[in-house]
Amino acid sequence: MVGDMAYFIRHVAGLVLESASFKTELIMTKIIQKYDRRYAIGKWIINQVMRLYHRAIWISGLEKIPKKTPVVYGPNHQNALIDALALIYSIPGQPVFLARADIFKKRFLAWLFRGIKMLPVYRIRDGIDNLDHNDEIFEQAKRVLVDRKILALFPEAVHNPLRRLLPLKKGIPRIVFLTEEAYDFKLGTVVIPVGIYYSDTDRFDETLHIQFGDPIPVADFRELFKINPQKAHLALRDAMAEGMRPLMIDIRDKEHYIMYECIRHLYNKPMRERLYVNGDSQPLRFKADKAIIDMVEKNTRDNPARLKMLNEKAVKYVELLSENGIEPRHFYPSVKQVIVPLRLFTSLLLLPFFLYGGLNHLFPILVGMIASKKIPDPQFISSVKFAVGFLITPLFYLLQFFIVQSIVHNWLISFAYLLTLPVAFILFKLCRRYMKTTLILKRSHRMRRKNPGQWEIVSQLTAEMKAILNEMQL
């Protein structure tokens, strides 16, 4: 078991650190699609960490995925490495990923990405001379599909911080047509659109929702491909985009993006009531969000005056809340004032559990915070926090164990202390969540008490926006 764990740490972090040359990389990846028992152990451990890292993980549409046929997953891309881990978490098997080559430039990151079966795809910006390497990478991807294994690409090719589907690239069409053409379109390859949603891409303890769409059989494009391969590539790409849009929050109106983000939080509960859905689970909230966006788009398309009025109110609403340190999704105007003192008192009772868990995880928390502040790309913040927690926390546990043992000189007590640490983290997470919500509620009440004028304006804007939205037809 120790040998397996040692292998896993190396395997998940990467297969080899020294493979600087592309030739070595290719030798290493020749059997990348084969099942690896130790990778499976690593996947199980990572999945447990994913559960700890997120508040809740929802998966929808797994029943749509065909079995015993080559599958290519095409998810949207908002959150760097976490997107890949989300897909790994949600599906059986060991998917092989293709990712843009520039993320492999750092030796440690290349080491890490190869460990979760990622292969680099080169673009012009990576150097024209490197484009020839793609031929071998695509051949490797072809072998994955021929072996009826799992392939995954991010068809947008870059991660996007906004809730919007970017134009898709032709990487997936190129690979699947290259493969199916070689086998006269008899392999049965399908492309599965995937939508990945985060309540917040940067923060710890947020909600993750993965949705799988209807399979797109590549064979459906066979006749078009024989007549005009370029049109077949475009047709499949467009079919993928149409399959992905219903599975994600896709705000296409760039000019009014803030407005849409505002009203989907403001009007989510009223929309669920209009849709006659009971409950506030993430799938139901997502359904309401999609309905809000579709409703506003439809009802303002030929009414620019209504759109302008709604946008002005939403922007003003967001500005006033921001001045008081409140995000639209964290504004609770209807909560009774007595709730905050009660929650503050309860938070004091929870403080010992919070401190025990926090102090025993102080070093990984600080390292994650410091490292994330040095990341120039915000979409890597969550990935860095996750990686730090995953790699450093076990080492810190061992260090704490030996420190305690050096003090008490009792193996039983030391092992008992070690076993409390994961439980302490869970308690820390739950207490932190409760205290965070309490502070959010406190901000709303502080605004009401210290800035009554702004509070009245926000209340008026809320009522006016809801009135406008209530008049819109679904």
Protein backbone atom coordinates (compact mmCIF):
# COMPACT_ATOMS: atom_id res chain seq x y z
CA MET A 1 0.00 0.00 0.00
CA VAL A 2 2.86 2.37 0.82
CA GLY A 3 4.33 1.61 -2.60
CA ASP A 4 1.00 2.33 -4.26
CA MET A 5 0.68 5.64 -2.43
CA ALA A 6 4.21 6.65 -3.32
CA TYR A 7 3.53 5.82 -6.94
CA PHE A 8 0.25 7.69 -6.81
CA ILE A 9 1.83 10.90 -5.53
CA ARG A 10 4.25 10.76 -8.42
CA HIS A 11 1.62 9.64 -10.92
CA VAL A 12 -0.93 12.29 -10.06
CA ALA A 13 1.69 14.98 -9.96
CA GLY A 14 3.09 13.65 -13.23
CA LEU A 15 4.85 10.73 -14.76
CA VAL A 16 8.28 12.24 -15.21
CA LEU A 17 9.77 15.56 -14.24
CA GLU A 18 12.73 15.43 -16.55
CA SER A 19 10.92 14.95 -19.90
CA ALA A 20 11.96 18.24 -21.39
CA SER A 21 12.07 17.01 -24.97
CA PHE A 22 8.99 16.30 -27.03
CA LYS A 23 10.41 12.92 -28.03
CA THR A 24 10.55 11.76 -24.42
CA GLU A 25 7.02 13.08 -23.94
CA LEU A 26 5.73 10.95 -26.80
CA ILE A 27 7.42 7.79 -25.56
CA MET A 28 5.82 8.36 -22.18
CA THR A 29 2.32 8.81 -23.64
CA LYS A 30 2.20 5.74 -25.89
CA ILE A 31 0.15 3.83 -23.34
CA ILE A 32 -1.53 6.80 -21.71
CA GLN A 33 -5.03 5.49 -22.50
CA LYS A 34 -4.49 2.17 -20.74
CA TYR A 35 -6.20 1.55 -17.42
CA ASP A 36 -3.88 2.15 -14.48
CA ARG A 37 -4.79 0.70 -11.10
CA ARG A 38 -2.67 3.19 -9.22
CA TYR A 39 -4.19 6.07 -11.15
CA ALA A 40 -7.58 4.71 -10.04
CA ILE A 41 -6.41 4.91 -6.42
CA GLY A 42 -5.25 8.46 -7.04
CA LYS A 43 -8.55 9.34 -8.66
CA TRP A 44 -10.45 8.05 -5.63
CA ILE A 45 -8.33 10.17 -3.29
CA ILE A 46 -8.68 13.28 -5.47
CA ASN A 47 -12.43 12.76 -5.57
CA GLN A 48 -12.55 12.80 -1.77
CA VAL A 49 -10.58 16.05 -1.77
CA MET A 50 -12.99 17.46 -4.37
CA ARG A 51 -15.87 16.72 -2.00
CA LEU A 52 -14.04 18.49 0.82
CA TYR A 53 -13.09 21.45 -1.35
CA HIS A 54 -16.61 22.15 -2.63
CA ARG A 55 -19.76 22.90 -0.69
CA ALA A 56 -21.82 20.61 -2.90
CA ILE A 57 -21.29 18.78 -6.19
CA TRP A 58 -24.26 18.10 -8.47
CA ILE A 59 -24.10 15.84 -11.53
CA SER A 60 -26.86 15.66 -14.14
CA GLY A 61 -27.25 13.64 -17.35
CA LEU A 62 -24.89 10.71 -16.72
CA GLU A 63 -27.58 8.37 -18.04
CA LYS A 64 -27.12 9.92 -21.51
CA ILE A 65 -23.55 8.67 -21.88
CA PRO A 66 -23.34 5.53 -24.06
CA LYS A 67 -21.25 2.59 -22.94
CA LYS A 68 -18.68 0.62 -24.94
CA THR A 69 -18.27 3.27 -27.60
CA PRO A 70 -15.58 5.92 -28.16
CA VAL A 71 -16.54 9.09 -26.30
CA VAL A 72 -15.18 12.62 -26.57
CA TYR A 73 -16.23 15.08 -23.89
CA GLY A 74 -16.40 18.79 -24.70
CA PRO A 75 -16.86 20.90 -21.53
CA ASN A 76 -16.86 24.67 -21.20
CA HIS A 77 -13.77 26.08 -19.53
CA GLN A 78 -13.97 28.54 -16.62
CA ASN A 79 -11.66 27.26 -13.93
CA ALA A 80 -8.32 25.97 -15.22
CA LEU A 81 -7.31 22.62 -13.67
CA ILE A 82 -10.48 22.31 -11.56
CA ASP A 83 -12.50 21.88 -14.76
CA ALA A 84 -10.50 18.78 -15.63
CA LEU A 85 -10.82 17.44 -12.09
CA ALA A 86 -14.58 18.10 -12.20
CA LEU A 87 -14.90 15.92 -15.29
CA ILE A 88 -12.66 13.23 -13.79
CA TYR A 89 -14.83 13.30 -10.66
CA SER A 90 -18.12 12.96 -12.50
CA ILE A 91 -17.45 10.14 -14.98
CA PRO A 92 -16.20 6.56 -14.69
CA GLY A 93 -12.92 5.63 -16.32
CA GLN A 94 -9.68 7.51 -16.90
CA PRO A 95 -10.13 10.25 -19.51
CA VAL A 96 -7.21 11.50 -21.58
CA PHE A 97 -7.19 15.29 -21.89
CA LEU A 98 -5.83 17.51 -24.62
CA ALA A 99 -4.91 20.98 -23.38
CA ARG A 100 -3.15 24.00 -24.80
CA ALA A 101 0.62 23.61 -24.76
CA ASP A 102 1.50 26.88 -23.02
CA ILE A 103 0.34 25.53 -19.65
CA PHE A 104 3.07 22.86 -19.93
CA LYS A 105 5.90 25.42 -20.00
CA LYS A 106 6.55 25.32 -16.27
CA ARG A 107 8.32 22.08 -15.45
CA PHE A 108 6.30 21.36 -12.33
CA LEU A 109 2.99 22.08 -14.08
CA ALA A 110 3.98 19.83 -16.99
CA TRP A 111 4.81 17.18 -14.42
CA LEU A 112 1.41 17.67 -12.79
CA PHE A 113 -0.68 17.75 -15.99
CA ARG A 114 0.89 14.65 -17.48
CA GLY A 115 0.06 12.86 -14.25
CA ILE A 116 -3.65 13.30 -14.91
CA LYS A 117 -3.24 12.12 -18.51
CA MET A 118 -3.02 15.48 -20.27
CA LEU A 119 -1.36 15.94 -23.65
CA PRO A 120 -0.24 19.31 -25.06
CA VAL A 121 -1.78 20.80 -28.21
CA TYR A 122 0.29 23.51 -29.86
CA ARG A 123 -0.99 26.76 -31.37
CA ILE A 124 0.68 29.31 -33.62
CA ARG A 125 1.49 31.47 -30.60
CA ASP A 126 3.51 28.52 -29.23
CA GLY A 127 5.80 28.73 -32.25
CA ILE A 128 5.25 27.63 -35.84
CA ASP A 129 7.93 24.96 -35.50
CA ASN A 130 5.95 23.32 -32.72
CA LEU A 131 2.80 22.89 -34.82
CA ASP A 132 4.22 19.73 -36.38
CA HIS A 133 4.11 18.12 -32.93
CA ASN A 134 0.30 18.20 -33.12
CA ASP A 135 0.31 15.47 -35.78
CA GLU A 136 1.68 12.96 -33.28
CA ILE A 137 -0.57 14.26 -30.51
CA PHE A 138 -3.62 13.81 -32.73
CA GLU A 139 -2.45 10.33 -33.66
CA GLN A 140 -2.22 9.57 -29.96
CA ALA A 141 -5.76 10.91 -29.49
CA LYS A 142 -6.87 8.75 -32.39
CA ARG A 143 -5.46 5.65 -30.67
CA VAL A 144 -7.42 6.55 -27.55
CA LEU A 145 -10.68 6.48 -29.52
CA VAL A 146 -9.78 3.35 -31.46
CA ASP A 147 -9.24 1.61 -28.11
CA ARG A 148 -12.75 2.83 -27.16
CA LYS A 149 -11.37 4.90 -24.29
CA ILE A 150 -12.30 8.40 -23.16
CA LEU A 151 -10.98 11.62 -24.67
CA ALA A 152 -11.68 15.14 -23.41
CA LEU A 153 -10.92 18.55 -24.89
CA PHE A 154 -11.98 22.04 -23.92
CA PRO A 155 -13.42 23.20 -27.25
CA GLU A 156 -13.15 26.89 -26.31
CA ALA A 157 -9.36 26.29 -26.08
CA VAL A 158 -8.97 29.00 -23.39
CA HIS A 159 -10.56 29.45 -20.00
CA ASN A 160 -13.04 32.26 -19.67
CA PRO A 161 -13.87 34.07 -16.38
CA LEU A 162 -17.28 35.19 -17.62
CA ARG A 163 -20.42 33.07 -17.83
CA ARG A 164 -20.41 32.98 -21.60
CA LEU A 165 -19.63 30.38 -24.24
CA LEU A 166 -16.67 31.48 -26.36
CA PRO A 167 -16.41 30.57 -30.06
CA LEU A 168 -15.43 26.92 -30.31
CA LYS A 169 -12.27 25.76 -32.05
CA LYS A 170 -12.06 22.85 -34.45
CA GLY A 171 -9.88 20.54 -32.35
CA ILE A 172 -12.62 18.02 -31.58
CA PRO A 173 -13.97 17.89 -35.17
CA ARG A 174 -10.46 17.41 -36.51
CA ILE A 175 -9.71 14.49 -34.19
CA VAL A 176 -13.03 12.66 -34.50
CA PHE A 177 -13.19 12.97 -38.29
CA LEU A 178 -9.55 11.89 -38.61
CA THR A 179 -10.40 8.81 -36.55
CA GLU A 180 -13.76 7.91 -38.08
CA GLU A 181 -12.56 8.44 -41.65
CA ALA A 182 -9.80 5.89 -41.08
CA TYR A 183 -12.44 3.34 -40.04
CA ASP A 184 -15.15 4.24 -42.56
CA PHE A 185 -17.26 5.88 -39.83
CA LYS A 186 -17.91 2.52 -38.14
CA LEU A 187 -16.31 3.17 -34.74
CA GLY A 188 -19.43 4.88 -33.42
CA THR A 189 -17.64 7.85 -31.86
CA VAL A 190 -19.90 10.33 -30.08
CA VAL A 191 -19.23 13.82 -28.75
CA ILE A 192 -20.81 14.66 -25.39
CA PRO A 193 -21.41 18.37 -24.67
CA VAL A 194 -20.67 19.21 -21.03
CA GLY A 195 -21.62 22.25 -18.97
CA ILE A 196 -19.66 23.10 -15.81
CA TYR A 197 -21.04 25.69 -13.39
CA TYR A 198 -19.41 27.21 -10.29
CA SER A 199 -21.17 29.52 -7.86
CA ASP A 200 -17.75 31.20 -7.65
CA THR A 201 -14.63 30.16 -9.55
CA ASP A 202 -12.08 31.68 -7.15
CA ARG A 203 -13.31 30.73 -3.71
CA PHE A 204 -13.22 27.64 -1.55
CA ASP A 205 -16.44 25.90 -0.42
CA GLU A 206 -18.58 26.85 -3.42
CA THR A 207 -21.11 24.83 -5.41
CA LEU A 208 -20.10 22.82 -8.49
CA HIS A 209 -22.63 21.57 -11.04
CA ILE A 210 -21.67 19.30 -13.97
CA GLN A 211 -24.24 18.55 -16.68
CA PHE A 212 -24.00 16.16 -19.63
CA GLY A 213 -25.93 16.74 -22.82
CA ASP A 214 -27.24 14.46 -25.54
CA PRO A 215 -24.57 12.53 -27.49
CA ILE A 216 -23.72 13.83 -30.95
CA PRO A 217 -22.89 10.85 -33.23
CA VAL A 218 -20.02 11.71 -35.55
CA ALA A 219 -21.49 9.32 -38.14
CA ASP A 220 -24.37 11.78 -38.62
CA PHE A 221 -21.93 14.01 -40.49
CA ARG A 222 -20.54 11.25 -42.72
CA GLU A 223 -22.22 12.28 -45.98
CA LEU A 224 -21.42 15.96 -45.49
CA PHE A 225 -17.80 15.08 -44.70
CA LYS A 226 -17.45 13.12 -47.95
CA ILE A 227 -18.78 16.07 -49.94
CA ASN A 228 -17.07 18.90 -48.06
CA PRO A 229 -14.87 18.12 -45.02
CA GLN A 230 -14.60 21.79 -44.06
CA LYS A 231 -18.38 22.18 -43.87
CA ALA A 232 -18.59 18.99 -41.82
CA HIS A 233 -16.07 20.39 -39.34
CA LEU A 234 -18.10 23.58 -39.01
CA ALA A 235 -21.40 21.69 -38.73
CA LEU A 236 -20.10 19.50 -35.90
CA ARG A 237 -18.61 22.51 -34.14
CA ASP A 238 -21.96 24.33 -34.35
CA ALA A 239 -23.80 21.24 -33.09
CA MET A 240 -21.44 21.11 -30.12
CA ALA A 241 -22.08 24.78 -29.31
CA GLU A 242 -25.84 24.27 -29.49
CA GLY A 243 -25.48 21.26 -27.21
CA MET A 244 -23.37 23.14 -24.65
CA ARG A 245 -25.45 26.32 -24.34
CA PRO A 246 -28.40 24.72 -22.48
CA LEU A 247 -25.94 23.21 -19.99
CA MET A 248 -24.28 26.44 -18.85
CA ILE A 249 -25.08 30.03 -17.98
CA ASP A 250 -24.49 31.66 -21.35
CA ILE A 251 -24.83 35.45 -21.21
CA ARG A 252 -24.21 36.50 -24.80
CA ASP A 253 -25.00 40.19 -24.33
CA LYS A 254 -21.59 41.59 -23.37
CA GLU A 255 -22.86 45.16 -22.99
CA HIS A 256 -25.44 44.19 -20.36
CA TYR A 257 -23.50 41.41 -18.65
CA ILE A 258 -23.66 43.04 -15.19
CA MET A 259 -27.42 43.40 -15.53
CA TYR A 260 -27.93 39.71 -16.31
CA GLU A 261 -25.69 38.63 -13.44
CA CYS A 262 -27.62 40.92 -11.11
CA ILE A 263 -31.15 39.89 -12.05
CA ARG A 264 -30.46 36.16 -12.06
CA HIS A 265 -29.70 36.46 -8.33
CA LEU A 266 -32.44 38.99 -7.65
CA TYR A 267 -35.17 37.09 -9.48
CA ASN A 268 -34.22 33.44 -9.02
CA LYS A 269 -36.76 32.68 -6.30
CA PRO A 270 -39.66 34.48 -8.05
CA MET A 271 -38.79 32.64 -11.26
CA ARG A 272 -38.88 29.28 -9.50
CA GLU A 273 -42.34 30.21 -8.26
CA ARG A 274 -43.41 31.13 -11.79
CA LEU A 275 -42.08 27.80 -13.05
CA TYR A 276 -43.96 25.95 -10.27
CA VAL A 277 -40.82 24.23 -9.00
CA ASN A 278 -40.43 23.51 -5.30
CA GLY A 279 -37.07 23.66 -3.55
CA ASP A 280 -33.84 25.57 -3.99
CA SER A 281 -31.39 22.86 -5.05
CA GLN A 282 -28.70 23.81 -7.56
CA PRO A 283 -30.41 22.09 -10.55
CA LEU A 284 -33.61 24.04 -9.81
CA ARG A 285 -31.72 27.30 -9.37
CA PHE A 286 -29.92 26.64 -12.65
CA LYS A 287 -33.24 26.03 -14.40
CA ALA A 288 -34.53 29.34 -13.06
CA ASP A 289 -31.35 31.18 -14.11
CA LYS A 290 -31.69 29.89 -17.67
CA ALA A 291 -35.37 30.87 -17.75
CA ILE A 292 -34.55 34.40 -16.52
CA ILE A 293 -31.90 34.96 -19.19
CA ASP A 294 -34.11 33.58 -21.97
CA MET A 295 -37.08 35.64 -20.78
CA VAL A 296 -35.16 38.92 -20.66
CA GLU A 297 -33.54 38.30 -24.06
CA LYS A 298 -36.92 37.54 -25.65
CA ASN A 299 -38.79 40.43 -24.04
CA THR A 300 -36.18 43.12 -24.69
CA ARG A 301 -35.12 42.12 -28.19
CA ASP A 302 -37.64 44.51 -29.76
CA ASN A 303 -37.91 46.84 -26.80
CA PRO A 304 -34.59 48.66 -26.30
CA ALA A 305 -36.21 51.20 -23.97
CA ARG A 306 -37.19 48.46 -21.52
CA LEU A 307 -33.70 46.96 -21.74
CA LYS A 308 -32.07 50.33 -21.08
CA MET A 309 -34.32 51.01 -18.08
CA LEU A 310 -33.69 47.58 -16.56
CA ASN A 311 -29.95 47.89 -17.15
CA GLU A 312 -29.73 51.33 -15.51
CA LYS A 313 -31.55 50.08 -12.42
CA ALA A 314 -29.41 46.94 -12.19
CA VAL A 315 -26.13 48.85 -12.54
CA LYS A 316 -27.19 51.34 -9.86
CA TYR A 317 -28.29 48.46 -7.61
CA VAL A 318 -24.92 46.71 -7.96
CA GLU A 319 -23.00 49.95 -7.36
CA LEU A 320 -24.85 50.73 -4.11
CA LEU A 321 -24.38 47.21 -2.79
CA SER A 322 -20.70 47.28 -3.75
CA GLU A 323 -20.19 50.51 -1.79
CA ASN A 324 -21.38 48.58 1.26
CA GLY A 325 -19.22 45.52 0.59
CA ILE A 326 -22.14 43.36 -0.54
CA GLU A 327 -22.37 41.14 -3.62
CA PRO A 328 -25.82 40.82 -5.25
CA ARG A 329 -25.89 37.09 -4.53
CA HIS A 330 -25.23 37.81 -0.84
CA PHE A 331 -27.92 40.43 -0.28
CA TYR A 332 -30.69 39.35 2.11
CA PRO A 333 -33.06 42.31 2.66
CA SER A 334 -35.92 40.27 4.14
CA VAL A 335 -34.06 38.54 6.98
CA LYS A 336 -35.27 39.69 10.41
CA GLN A 337 -32.83 41.81 12.41
CA VAL A 338 -32.98 39.46 15.40
CA ILE A 339 -31.36 36.72 13.31
CA VAL A 340 -27.93 38.39 13.24
CA PRO A 341 -27.43 38.60 17.04
CA LEU A 342 -28.58 35.01 17.38
CA ARG A 343 -26.17 33.85 14.71
CA LEU A 344 -23.33 35.86 16.26
CA PHE A 345 -23.98 34.13 19.59
CA THR A 346 -24.02 30.73 17.89
CA SER A 347 -20.78 31.63 16.11
CA LEU A 348 -19.15 32.22 19.50
CA LEU A 349 -20.22 28.73 20.56
CA LEU A 350 -18.70 27.31 17.39
CA LEU A 351 -15.47 29.30 17.79
CA PRO A 352 -13.49 26.52 19.59
CA PHE A 353 -14.16 24.07 16.74
CA PHE A 354 -13.31 26.76 14.18
CA LEU A 355 -10.04 27.60 15.92
CA TYR A 356 -9.00 23.97 16.42
CA GLY A 357 -9.59 23.17 12.77
CA GLY A 358 -8.12 26.45 11.52
CA LEU A 359 -4.96 26.38 13.63
CA ASN A 360 -4.28 22.76 12.70
CA HIS A 361 -4.50 23.71 9.02
CA LEU A 362 -2.93 27.15 9.31
CA PHE A 363 0.17 26.44 7.24
CA PRO A 364 -1.65 25.00 4.16
CA ILE A 365 -4.22 27.82 4.37
CA LEU A 366 -1.52 30.51 4.47
CA VAL A 367 0.49 28.90 1.67
CA GLY A 368 -2.65 28.70 -0.48
CA MET A 369 -3.50 32.35 0.19
CA ILE A 370 0.02 33.58 -0.53
CA ALA A 371 0.42 31.43 -3.65
CA SER A 372 -2.95 32.47 -5.07
CA LYS A 373 -2.05 36.16 -4.73
CA LYS A 374 1.01 35.61 -6.91
CA ILE A 375 -1.00 34.06 -9.75
CA PRO A 376 -1.42 36.54 -12.63
CA ASP A 377 -4.36 34.63 -14.12
CA PRO A 378 -7.37 34.68 -11.72
CA GLN A 379 -8.74 31.49 -13.30
CA PHE A 380 -5.83 29.56 -11.76
CA ILE A 381 -6.53 30.76 -8.20
CA SER A 382 -8.88 27.92 -7.32
CA SER A 383 -6.58 25.37 -8.94
CA VAL A 384 -3.62 26.63 -6.92
CA LYS A 385 -5.60 26.50 -3.68
CA PHE A 386 -6.72 22.97 -4.47
CA ALA A 387 -3.21 21.80 -5.39
CA VAL A 388 -1.69 23.35 -2.27
CA GLY A 389 -4.30 21.71 -0.07
CA PHE A 390 -3.93 18.36 -1.79
CA LEU A 391 -0.13 18.21 -1.79
CA ILE A 392 0.87 20.15 1.34
CA THR A 393 -1.82 19.17 3.84
CA PRO A 394 -0.76 15.47 4.10
CA LEU A 395 2.85 16.54 4.61
CA PHE A 396 1.79 19.02 7.26
CA TYR A 397 -0.24 16.29 8.99
CA LEU A 398 2.88 14.13 9.21
CA LEU A 399 4.93 17.04 10.52
CA GLN A 400 2.33 17.78 13.20
CA PHE A 401 2.17 14.09 14.11
CA PHE A 402 5.91 13.90 14.76
CA ILE A 403 5.90 17.21 16.65
CA VAL A 404 3.16 15.92 18.96
CA GLN A 405 5.00 12.61 19.36
CA SER A 406 8.21 14.43 20.29
CA ILE A 407 6.26 16.23 23.03
CA VAL A 408 4.04 13.49 24.50
CA HIS A 409 6.20 10.43 23.70
CA ASN A 410 3.07 8.34 23.36
CA TRP A 411 2.30 6.74 19.98
CA LEU A 412 -1.34 6.10 20.85
CA ILE A 413 -2.01 9.74 21.69
CA SER A 414 -0.10 10.89 18.62
CA PHE A 415 -2.08 8.61 16.30
CA ALA A 416 -5.34 9.70 17.95
CA TYR A 417 -4.35 13.33 17.31
CA LEU A 418 -3.53 12.51 13.69
CA LEU A 419 -6.96 10.94 13.18
CA THR A 420 -8.68 14.07 14.49
CA LEU A 421 -7.14 16.30 11.82
CA PRO A 422 -9.42 15.41 8.86
CA VAL A 423 -12.45 15.68 11.16
CA ALA A 424 -11.13 19.02 12.39
CA PHE A 425 -10.97 20.27 8.81
CA ILE A 426 -14.59 19.30 8.17
CA LEU A 427 -15.66 21.09 11.36
CA PHE A 428 -13.58 24.11 10.35
CA LYS A 429 -15.26 24.16 6.94
CA LEU A 430 -18.78 23.95 8.41
CA CYS A 431 -18.08 26.58 11.08
CA ARG A 432 -16.46 28.86 8.52
CA ARG A 433 -19.51 28.54 6.28
CA TYR A 434 -21.85 29.42 9.14
CA MET A 435 -19.74 32.39 10.24
CA LYS A 436 -19.36 33.62 6.67
CA THR A 437 -23.14 33.63 6.20
CA THR A 438 -23.49 35.47 9.51
CA LEU A 439 -21.06 38.17 8.38
CA ILE A 440 -22.91 38.47 5.06
CA LEU A 441 -26.19 39.01 6.91
CA LYS A 442 -24.48 41.49 9.21
CA ARG A 443 -23.36 43.58 6.23
CA SER A 444 -26.95 43.87 5.01
CA HIS A 445 -28.15 44.99 8.45
CA ARG A 446 -25.23 47.39 8.83
CA MET A 447 -26.16 49.00 5.52
CA ARG A 448 -29.77 49.31 6.69
CA ARG A 449 -28.68 50.95 9.96
CA LYS A 450 -25.83 53.21 8.80
CA ASN A 451 -26.96 54.06 5.27
CA PRO A 452 -30.77 54.17 5.42
CA GLY A 453 -30.91 56.39 2.35
CA GLN A 454 -29.02 53.88 0.23
CA TRP A 455 -31.07 51.07 1.74
CA GLU A 456 -34.29 52.76 0.64
CA ILE A 457 -32.94 53.28 -2.86
CA VAL A 458 -31.87 49.62 -3.11
CA SER A 459 -35.27 48.50 -1.83
CA GLN A 460 -36.99 50.70 -4.39
CA LEU A 461 -34.75 49.44 -7.21
CA THR A 462 -35.46 45.86 -6.13
CA ALA A 463 -39.21 46.42 -6.30
CA GLU A 464 -38.99 48.22 -9.64
CA MET A 465 -36.82 45.54 -11.28
CA LYS A 466 -39.07 42.76 -10.02
CA ALA A 467 -42.10 44.63 -11.35
CA ILE A 468 -40.48 44.91 -14.79
CA LEU A 469 -39.56 41.22 -14.77
CA ASN A 470 -43.01 40.19 -13.58
CA GLU A 471 -44.52 41.86 -16.64
CA MET A 472 -42.37 39.80 -19.01
CA GLN A 473 -43.76 36.72 -20.70
CA LEU A 474 -41.97 33.40 -20.22
